[in-house]
Amino acid sequence: ELTRKIAIELYSHHEISLARGAEICGLNIENFKELLRENGISIDITPDTVNEVHSDVDALLGAL
């Protein structure tokens, strides 16, 4: 619980990315986004976020 609170705080202050926040919490990106919404934090979609999602998709496709 404390780890999740820290990740939410870091994300809300733009100190970590969406993917890094999810990783810290042990969640996938969609579940971390839901956690942020539940805590009233808006989700910033930046070019870095888009690149991270593309990298995750490429990694998943490469694992098939």
C-alpha atoms as a PDB file:
ATOM      1  CA  GLU A   1       0.000   0.000   0.000  1.00  0.00           C
ATOM      2  CA  LEU A   2       2.785   2.453   0.879  1.00  0.00           C
ATOM      3  CA  THR A   3       4.608   1.617  -2.350  1.00  0.00           C
ATOM      4  CA  ARG A   4       1.475   2.381  -4.338  1.00  0.00           C
ATOM      5  CA  LYS A   5       0.982   5.702  -2.561  1.00  0.00           C
ATOM      6  CA  ILE A   6       4.575   6.670  -3.323  1.00  0.00           C
ATOM      7  CA  ALA A   7       4.198   5.698  -6.992  1.00  0.00           C
ATOM      8  CA  ILE A   8       0.984   7.725  -7.256  1.00  0.00           C
ATOM      9  CA  GLU A   9       2.675  10.727  -5.670  1.00  0.00           C
ATOM     10  CA  LEU A  10       5.712  10.468  -7.945  1.00  0.00           C
ATOM     11  CA  TYR A  11       3.526  10.119 -11.026  1.00  0.00           C
ATOM     12  CA  SER A  12       1.312  13.040 -10.047  1.00  0.00           C
ATOM     13  CA  HIS A  13       4.423  15.238  -9.787  1.00  0.00           C
ATOM     14  CA  HIS A  14       5.694  14.050 -13.194  1.00  0.00           C
ATOM     15  CA  GLU A  15       8.732  12.394 -11.609  1.00  0.00           C
ATOM     16  CA  ILE A  16       8.056   8.952 -13.092  1.00  0.00           C
ATOM     17  CA  SER A  17       6.313   7.671 -16.190  1.00  0.00           C
ATOM     18  CA  LEU A  18       3.103   5.719 -16.383  1.00  0.00           C
ATOM     19  CA  ALA A  19       5.038   2.542 -17.181  1.00  0.00           C
ATOM     20  CA  ARG A  20       7.465   3.081 -14.300  1.00  0.00           C
ATOM     21  CA  GLY A  21       4.590   3.703 -11.894  1.00  0.00           C
ATOM     22  CA  ALA A  22       2.936   0.484 -13.009  1.00  0.00           C
ATOM     23  CA  GLU A  23       6.208  -1.383 -12.584  1.00  0.00           C
ATOM     24  CA  ILE A  24       6.742  -0.019  -9.070  1.00  0.00           C
ATOM     25  CA  CYS A  25       3.218  -1.109  -8.098  1.00  0.00           C
ATOM     26  CA  GLY A  26       3.517  -4.511  -9.721  1.00  0.00           C
ATOM     27  CA  LEU A  27       0.606  -3.690 -12.023  1.00  0.00           C
ATOM     28  CA  ASN A  28       0.113  -3.542 -15.748  1.00  0.00           C
ATOM     29  CA  ILE A  29      -0.347  -0.088 -17.248  1.00  0.00           C
ATOM     30  CA  GLU A  30      -4.143  -0.359 -17.471  1.00  0.00           C
ATOM     31  CA  ASN A  31      -4.458  -1.320 -13.802  1.00  0.00           C
ATOM     32  CA  PHE A  32      -2.116   1.503 -12.789  1.00  0.00           C
ATOM     33  CA  LYS A  33      -4.242   3.930 -14.818  1.00  0.00           C
ATOM     34  CA  GLU A  34      -7.313   2.678 -12.944  1.00  0.00           C
ATOM     35  CA  LEU A  35      -5.486   3.144  -9.623  1.00  0.00           C
ATOM     36  CA  LEU A  36      -4.650   6.715 -10.635  1.00  0.00           C
ATOM     37  CA  ARG A  37      -8.278   7.415 -11.581  1.00  0.00           C
ATOM     38  CA  GLU A  38      -9.467   5.977  -8.258  1.00  0.00           C
ATOM     39  CA  ASN A  39      -7.140   8.438  -6.521  1.00  0.00           C
ATOM     40  CA  GLY A  40      -8.272  11.429  -8.577  1.00  0.00           C
ATOM     41  CA  ILE A  41      -5.072  11.691 -10.613  1.00  0.00           C
ATOM     42  CA  SER A  42      -5.393  12.620 -14.274  1.00  0.00           C
ATOM     43  CA  ILE A  43      -3.418  10.589 -16.762  1.00  0.00           C
ATOM     44  CA  ASP A  44      -0.967  12.499 -18.907  1.00  0.00           C
ATOM     45  CA  ILE A  45      -0.457  11.042 -22.347  1.00  0.00           C
ATOM     46  CA  THR A  46       2.911  12.290 -23.525  1.00  0.00           C
ATOM     47  CA  PRO A  47       5.122  11.185 -26.409  1.00  0.00           C
ATOM     48  CA  ASP A  48       7.165   9.224 -23.858  1.00  0.00           C
ATOM     49  CA  THR A  49       4.039   7.383 -22.713  1.00  0.00           C
ATOM     50  CA  VAL A  50       3.158   6.495 -26.291  1.00  0.00           C
ATOM     51  CA  ASN A  51       6.703   5.260 -26.912  1.00  0.00           C
ATOM     52  CA  GLU A  52       6.584   3.123 -23.760  1.00  0.00           C
ATOM     53  CA  VAL A  53       3.317   1.536 -24.827  1.00  0.00           C
ATOM     54  CA  HIS A  54       4.738   0.814 -28.280  1.00  0.00           C
ATOM     55  CA  SER A  55       7.812  -0.772 -26.683  1.00  0.00           C
ATOM     56  CA  ASP A  56       5.604  -2.921 -24.453  1.00  0.00           C
ATOM     57  CA  VAL A  57       3.539  -4.059 -27.440  1.00  0.00           C
ATOM     58  CA  ASP A  58       6.685  -4.852 -29.433  1.00  0.00           C
ATOM     59  CA  ALA A  59       8.048  -6.882 -26.514  1.00  0.00           C
ATOM     60  CA  LEU A  60       4.790  -8.811 -26.178  1.00  0.00           C
ATOM     61  CA  LEU A  61       4.632  -9.527 -29.888  1.00  0.00           C
ATOM     62  CA  GLY A  62       8.259 -10.621 -29.856  1.00  0.00           C
ATOM     63  CA  ALA A  63       7.479 -13.103 -27.088  1.00  0.00           C
ATOM     64  CA  LEU A  64       4.835 -14.861 -29.212  1.00  0.00           C
END
